[in-house]
């Protein structure tokens, strides 16, 4: 069961259709208060816009986590709100997607979160195993031999020790998360939490 909280009625309708067609039970709310009151023990995931007319997305996350800390929250945000989205991740959101929304990306993220939730409810140690596997994969960063990859590694080594903001771009599956982890490990902040 997925709860969608968004005040954009067109987007709400589109997401409801997309998820219903893919076998999910969908509940919708057009504001934060209604969304929070719609959460029950059957809610598997919350898809929430960061900007709503009554309550901000960050406050919604805090309220949802008080009701049920296990519910994964996927935020919908515009590119200009990425800084706020990072704060949302610190408060307990699992991930965020930026507008414009792509159906395949949404379905993939939802499937991942629901599988993780099902695994952890069936076998509490499996979620820990999965997380340690992801961490191990990130630590096993492999540097390619092409000139492009060598140039990328040099650039990462150059910017990692600085406080410079870095944007990592690329298609799904090209290794953006690995590059982010590599930057973190090369930085002065490597002993701190990777967010």
C-alpha atoms as a PDB file:
ATOM      1  CA  UNK A   1       0.000   0.000   0.000  1.00  0.00           C
ATOM      2  CA  UNK A   2       1.446   3.333  -1.086  1.00  0.00           C
ATOM      3  CA  UNK A   3       0.385   6.742   0.198  1.00  0.00           C
ATOM      4  CA  UNK A   4       0.965   9.689  -2.163  1.00  0.00           C
ATOM      5  CA  UNK A   5       0.925  13.186  -0.635  1.00  0.00           C
ATOM      6  CA  UNK A   6       0.953  15.934  -3.279  1.00  0.00           C
ATOM      7  CA  UNK A   7      -1.076  19.064  -3.970  1.00  0.00           C
ATOM      8  CA  UNK A   8      -0.515  18.893  -7.752  1.00  0.00           C
ATOM      9  CA  UNK A   9      -3.719  17.112  -8.821  1.00  0.00           C
ATOM     10  CA  UNK A  10      -2.397  16.234 -12.293  1.00  0.00           C
ATOM     11  CA  UNK A  11       0.741  14.638 -10.868  1.00  0.00           C
ATOM     12  CA  UNK A  12      -1.287  12.911  -8.159  1.00  0.00           C
ATOM     13  CA  UNK A  13      -3.603  11.421 -10.776  1.00  0.00           C
ATOM     14  CA  UNK A  14      -0.682  10.334 -12.969  1.00  0.00           C
ATOM     15  CA  UNK A  15       1.138   8.630 -10.076  1.00  0.00           C
ATOM     16  CA  UNK A  16      -2.057   6.965  -8.850  1.00  0.00           C
ATOM     17  CA  UNK A  17      -2.704   5.523 -12.330  1.00  0.00           C
ATOM     18  CA  UNK A  18       0.906   4.391 -12.782  1.00  0.00           C
ATOM     19  CA  UNK A  19       1.106   2.640  -9.426  1.00  0.00           C
ATOM     20  CA  UNK A  20      -2.381   1.099  -9.615  1.00  0.00           C
ATOM     21  CA  UNK A  21      -1.554  -0.346 -13.055  1.00  0.00           C
ATOM     22  CA  UNK A  22       1.550  -1.923 -11.521  1.00  0.00           C
ATOM     23  CA  UNK A  23      -0.372  -3.719  -8.787  1.00  0.00           C
ATOM     24  CA  UNK A  24      -0.034  -1.312  -5.871  1.00  0.00           C
ATOM     25  CA  UNK A  25      -2.895  -0.237  -3.632  1.00  0.00           C
ATOM     26  CA  UNK A  26      -2.802   3.569  -3.655  1.00  0.00           C
ATOM     27  CA  UNK A  27      -4.135   6.154  -1.195  1.00  0.00           C
ATOM     28  CA  UNK A  28      -3.812   9.866  -1.966  1.00  0.00           C
ATOM     29  CA  UNK A  29      -3.827  13.086   0.029  1.00  0.00           C
ATOM     30  CA  UNK A  30      -3.643  16.659  -1.261  1.00  0.00           C
ATOM     31  CA  UNK A  31      -2.097  18.138   1.893  1.00  0.00           C
ATOM     32  CA  UNK A  32       0.237  17.124   4.705  1.00  0.00           C
ATOM     33  CA  UNK A  33      -2.299  16.888   7.528  1.00  0.00           C
ATOM     34  CA  UNK A  34      -4.579  14.598   5.511  1.00  0.00           C
ATOM     35  CA  UNK A  35      -1.566  12.544   4.466  1.00  0.00           C
ATOM     36  CA  UNK A  36      -0.320  12.056   8.016  1.00  0.00           C
ATOM     37  CA  UNK A  37      -3.794  11.046   9.222  1.00  0.00           C
ATOM     38  CA  UNK A  38      -4.021   8.501   6.340  1.00  0.00           C
ATOM     39  CA  UNK A  39      -1.055   6.472   7.586  1.00  0.00           C
ATOM     40  CA  UNK A  40      -1.921   3.113   9.074  1.00  0.00           C
ATOM     41  CA  UNK A  41      -0.142  -0.164   9.791  1.00  0.00           C
ATOM     42  CA  UNK A  42      -0.776  -1.333   6.215  1.00  0.00           C
ATOM     43  CA  UNK A  43       1.128   1.590   4.635  1.00  0.00           C
ATOM     44  CA  UNK A  44       4.281   0.199   2.987  1.00  0.00           C
ATOM     45  CA  UNK A  45       5.681   3.407   1.516  1.00  0.00           C
ATOM     46  CA  UNK A  46       4.995   7.154   1.385  1.00  0.00           C
ATOM     47  CA  UNK A  47       5.611   9.216  -1.745  1.00  0.00           C
ATOM     48  CA  UNK A  48       5.554  12.858  -0.657  1.00  0.00           C
ATOM     49  CA  UNK A  49       6.072  16.236  -2.319  1.00  0.00           C
ATOM     50  CA  UNK A  50       8.539  18.451  -0.482  1.00  0.00           C
ATOM     51  CA  UNK A  51       6.404  21.584  -0.859  1.00  0.00           C
ATOM     52  CA  UNK A  52       2.810  21.415   0.310  1.00  0.00           C
ATOM     53  CA  UNK A  53       0.364  24.219   1.153  1.00  0.00           C
ATOM     54  CA  UNK A  54      -0.116  23.395   4.845  1.00  0.00           C
ATOM     55  CA  UNK A  55       2.930  21.537   6.208  1.00  0.00           C
ATOM     56  CA  UNK A  56       6.456  21.391   4.813  1.00  0.00           C
ATOM     57  CA  UNK A  57       7.918  18.069   3.698  1.00  0.00           C
ATOM     58  CA  UNK A  58      10.497  18.058   6.507  1.00  0.00           C
ATOM     59  CA  UNK A  59       7.772  18.328   9.146  1.00  0.00           C
ATOM     60  CA  UNK A  60       5.777  15.579   7.417  1.00  0.00           C
ATOM     61  CA  UNK A  61       8.813  13.270   7.582  1.00  0.00           C
ATOM     62  CA  UNK A  62       9.221  13.928  11.317  1.00  0.00           C
ATOM     63  CA  UNK A  63       5.516  13.238  11.955  1.00  0.00           C
ATOM     64  CA  UNK A  64       5.498  10.043   9.887  1.00  0.00           C
ATOM     65  CA  UNK A  65       8.615   8.769  11.658  1.00  0.00           C
ATOM     66  CA  UNK A  66       6.868   9.316  15.014  1.00  0.00           C
ATOM     67  CA  UNK A  67       3.895   7.230  13.840  1.00  0.00           C
ATOM     68  CA  UNK A  68       5.964   4.466  12.235  1.00  0.00           C
ATOM     69  CA  UNK A  69       9.757   4.804  11.912  1.00  0.00           C
ATOM     70  CA  UNK A  70       9.893   1.796   9.557  1.00  0.00           C
ATOM     71  CA  UNK A  71       7.890   3.378   6.707  1.00  0.00           C
ATOM     72  CA  UNK A  72      10.186   4.337   3.828  1.00  0.00           C
ATOM     73  CA  UNK A  73       9.568   7.881   2.554  1.00  0.00           C
ATOM     74  CA  UNK A  74      10.408   8.860  -1.012  1.00  0.00           C
ATOM     75  CA  UNK A  75      10.402  12.621  -1.587  1.00  0.00           C
ATOM     76  CA  UNK A  76       9.420  14.397  -4.790  1.00  0.00           C
ATOM     77  CA  UNK A  77      11.333  17.636  -5.303  1.00  0.00           C
ATOM     78  CA  UNK A  78      12.452  20.173  -7.889  1.00  0.00           C
ATOM     79  CA  UNK A  79      16.138  20.597  -8.728  1.00  0.00           C
ATOM     80  CA  UNK A  80      16.272  23.882  -6.794  1.00  0.00           C
ATOM     81  CA  UNK A  81      15.259  22.047  -3.596  1.00  0.00           C
ATOM     82  CA  UNK A  82      18.085  19.507  -3.538  1.00  0.00           C
ATOM     83  CA  UNK A  83      19.656  21.134  -0.445  1.00  0.00           C
ATOM     84  CA  UNK A  84      16.387  20.668   1.438  1.00  0.00           C
ATOM     85  CA  UNK A  85      16.131  17.111   0.111  1.00  0.00           C
ATOM     86  CA  UNK A  86      19.519  16.320   1.673  1.00  0.00           C
ATOM     87  CA  UNK A  87      18.198  17.629   5.003  1.00  0.00           C
ATOM     88  CA  UNK A  88      15.151  15.393   4.494  1.00  0.00           C
ATOM     89  CA  UNK A  89      17.451  12.373   4.125  1.00  0.00           C
ATOM     90  CA  UNK A  90      19.074  13.277   7.438  1.00  0.00           C
ATOM     91  CA  UNK A  91      15.636  13.360   9.062  1.00  0.00           C
ATOM     92  CA  UNK A  92      14.732   9.890   7.848  1.00  0.00           C
ATOM     93  CA  UNK A  93      13.557  10.014   4.223  1.00  0.00           C
ATOM     94  CA  UNK A  94      14.962   7.064   2.268  1.00  0.00           C
ATOM     95  CA  UNK A  95      15.561   8.896  -1.007  1.00  0.00           C
ATOM     96  CA  UNK A  96      14.286  11.647  -3.257  1.00  0.00           C
ATOM     97  CA  UNK A  97      13.414  11.980  -6.917  1.00  0.00           C
ATOM     98  CA  UNK A  98      13.548  15.213  -8.844  1.00  0.00           C
ATOM     99  CA  UNK A  99      11.016  16.581 -11.274  1.00  0.00           C
ATOM    100  CA  UNK A 100      10.406  15.849 -14.096  1.00  0.00           C
ATOM    101  CA  UNK A 101       9.430  12.377 -12.916  1.00  0.00           C
ATOM    102  CA  UNK A 102      10.233   9.285 -14.979  1.00  0.00           C
ATOM    103  CA  UNK A 103       7.879   6.305 -14.480  1.00  0.00           C
ATOM    104  CA  UNK A 104      10.652   3.676 -14.696  1.00  0.00           C
ATOM    105  CA  UNK A 105      12.744   5.459 -12.054  1.00  0.00           C
ATOM    106  CA  UNK A 106       9.770   5.753  -9.671  1.00  0.00           C
ATOM    107  CA  UNK A 107       8.779   2.101 -10.093  1.00  0.00           C
ATOM    108  CA  UNK A 108      12.369   0.916  -9.601  1.00  0.00           C
ATOM    109  CA  UNK A 109      12.856   2.906  -6.380  1.00  0.00           C
ATOM    110  CA  UNK A 110       9.481   1.815  -4.978  1.00  0.00           C
ATOM    111  CA  UNK A 111      10.222  -1.827  -5.779  1.00  0.00           C
ATOM    112  CA  UNK A 112      13.610  -1.596  -4.027  1.00  0.00           C
ATOM    113  CA  UNK A 113      12.167  -0.027  -0.872  1.00  0.00           C
ATOM    114  CA  UNK A 114       9.273  -2.450  -0.612  1.00  0.00           C
ATOM    115  CA  UNK A 115      11.585  -5.464  -1.150  1.00  0.00           C
ATOM    116  CA  UNK A 116      13.930  -4.204   1.585  1.00  0.00           C
ATOM    117  CA  UNK A 117      10.966  -3.677   3.935  1.00  0.00           C
ATOM    118  CA  UNK A 118       9.594  -7.177   3.180  1.00  0.00           C
ATOM    119  CA  UNK A 119      13.031  -8.760   3.657  1.00  0.00           C
ATOM    120  CA  UNK A 120      13.586  -7.016   6.988  1.00  0.00           C
ATOM    121  CA  UNK A 121      10.130  -7.995   8.275  1.00  0.00           C
ATOM    122  CA  UNK A 122      10.653 -11.664   7.267  1.00  0.00           C
ATOM    123  CA  UNK A 123      14.278 -11.812   8.367  1.00  0.00           C
ATOM    124  CA  UNK A 124      15.579  -8.875  10.432  1.00  0.00           C
ATOM    125  CA  UNK A 125      19.222  -9.769   9.692  1.00  0.00           C
ATOM    126  CA  UNK A 126      18.730  -9.748   5.887  1.00  0.00           C
ATOM    127  CA  UNK A 127      18.391  -5.949   5.762  1.00  0.00           C
ATOM    128  CA  UNK A 128      21.639  -5.649   7.697  1.00  0.00           C
ATOM    129  CA  UNK A 129      23.295  -8.113   5.307  1.00  0.00           C
ATOM    130  CA  UNK A 130      22.017  -6.159   2.302  1.00  0.00           C
ATOM    131  CA  UNK A 131      23.325  -2.871   3.756  1.00  0.00           C
ATOM    132  CA  UNK A 132      26.740  -4.396   4.470  1.00  0.00           C
ATOM    133  CA  UNK A 133      26.845  -5.783   0.906  1.00  0.00           C
ATOM    134  CA  UNK A 134      26.131  -2.301  -0.488  1.00  0.00           C
ATOM    135  CA  UNK A 135      28.821  -0.800   1.770  1.00  0.00           C
ATOM    136  CA  UNK A 136      31.299  -3.486   0.684  1.00  0.00           C
ATOM    137  CA  UNK A 137      30.493  -2.825  -2.999  1.00  0.00           C
ATOM    138  CA  UNK A 138      31.070   0.899  -2.482  1.00  0.00           C
ATOM    139  CA  UNK A 139      34.430   0.188  -0.857  1.00  0.00           C
ATOM    140  CA  UNK A 140      35.436  -2.076  -3.746  1.00  0.00           C
ATOM    141  CA  UNK A 141      35.574   0.822  -6.180  1.00  0.00           C
ATOM    142  CA  UNK A 142      37.282  -0.312  -9.393  1.00  0.00           C
ATOM    143  CA  UNK A 143      39.200   2.215 -11.457  1.00  0.00           C
ATOM    144  CA  UNK A 144      38.836   1.612 -15.183  1.00  0.00           C
ATOM    145  CA  UNK A 145      41.815   1.762 -17.545  1.00  0.00           C
ATOM    146  CA  UNK A 146      40.340   4.099 -20.151  1.00  0.00           C
ATOM    147  CA  UNK A 147      41.618   7.673 -20.443  1.00  0.00           C
ATOM    148  CA  UNK A 148      38.162   8.901 -19.406  1.00  0.00           C
ATOM    149  CA  UNK A 149      38.222   6.903 -16.157  1.00  0.00           C
ATOM    150  CA  UNK A 150      41.800   7.929 -15.382  1.00  0.00           C
ATOM    151  CA  UNK A 151      40.784  11.576 -15.928  1.00  0.00           C
ATOM    152  CA  UNK A 152      37.743  11.079 -13.685  1.00  0.00           C
ATOM    153  CA  UNK A 153      39.925   9.656 -10.894  1.00  0.00           C
ATOM    154  CA  UNK A 154      42.338  12.608 -11.183  1.00  0.00           C
ATOM    155  CA  UNK A 155      39.425  15.057 -10.963  1.00  0.00           C
ATOM    156  CA  UNK A 156      38.050  13.272  -7.888  1.00  0.00           C
ATOM    157  CA  UNK A 157      41.448  13.377  -6.187  1.00  0.00           C
ATOM    158  CA  UNK A 158      41.683  17.064  -7.019  1.00  0.00           C
ATOM    159  CA  UNK A 159      38.304  18.132  -5.569  1.00  0.00           C
ATOM    160  CA  UNK A 160      37.899  15.612  -2.716  1.00  0.00           C
ATOM    161  CA  UNK A 161      40.112  17.440  -0.192  1.00  0.00           C
ATOM    162  CA  UNK A 162      38.267  20.740  -0.811  1.00  0.00           C
ATOM    163  CA  UNK A 163      34.849  21.962   0.382  1.00  0.00           C
ATOM    164  CA  UNK A 164      33.791  22.449  -3.230  1.00  0.00           C
ATOM    165  CA  UNK A 165      30.281  21.329  -4.206  1.00  0.00           C
ATOM    166  CA  UNK A 166      30.387  18.495  -6.734  1.00  0.00           C
ATOM    167  CA  UNK A 167      27.614  17.442  -9.108  1.00  0.00           C
ATOM    168  CA  UNK A 168      27.802  13.846 -10.321  1.00  0.00           C
ATOM    169  CA  UNK A 169      25.790  13.247 -13.470  1.00  0.00           C
ATOM    170  CA  UNK A 170      25.137  10.135 -15.511  1.00  0.00           C
ATOM    171  CA  UNK A 171      22.553   7.623 -16.599  1.00  0.00           C
ATOM    172  CA  UNK A 172      21.146   5.008 -14.243  1.00  0.00           C
ATOM    173  CA  UNK A 173      23.705   2.300 -13.531  1.00  0.00           C
ATOM    174  CA  UNK A 174      26.808   4.238 -14.571  1.00  0.00           C
ATOM    175  CA  UNK A 175      28.299   4.336 -11.068  1.00  0.00           C
ATOM    176  CA  UNK A 176      27.326   7.721  -9.617  1.00  0.00           C
ATOM    177  CA  UNK A 177      27.006   6.237  -6.126  1.00  0.00           C
ATOM    178  CA  UNK A 178      30.420   4.600  -6.409  1.00  0.00           C
ATOM    179  CA  UNK A 179      31.929   7.925  -7.486  1.00  0.00           C
ATOM    180  CA  UNK A 180      30.233   9.689  -4.552  1.00  0.00           C
ATOM    181  CA  UNK A 181      31.581   7.112  -2.099  1.00  0.00           C
ATOM    182  CA  UNK A 182      35.050   7.377  -3.678  1.00  0.00           C
ATOM    183  CA  UNK A 183      34.971  11.169  -3.267  1.00  0.00           C
ATOM    184  CA  UNK A 184      33.957  10.736   0.357  1.00  0.00           C
ATOM    185  CA  UNK A 185      36.765   8.244   1.005  1.00  0.00           C
ATOM    186  CA  UNK A 186      39.320  10.604  -0.578  1.00  0.00           C
ATOM    187  CA  UNK A 187      38.103  13.587   1.460  1.00  0.00           C
ATOM    188  CA  UNK A 188      39.030  14.927   4.896  1.00  0.00           C
ATOM    189  CA  UNK A 189      35.546  13.832   6.001  1.00  0.00           C
ATOM    190  CA  UNK A 190      36.119  10.117   5.342  1.00  0.00           C
ATOM    191  CA  UNK A 191      35.846   9.235   9.058  1.00  0.00           C
ATOM    192  CA  UNK A 192      32.472  11.002   9.247  1.00  0.00           C
ATOM    193  CA  UNK A 193      29.125   9.565   8.147  1.00  0.00           C
ATOM    194  CA  UNK A 194      28.575   9.235   4.387  1.00  0.00           C
ATOM    195  CA  UNK A 195      25.267  10.951   3.530  1.00  0.00           C
END
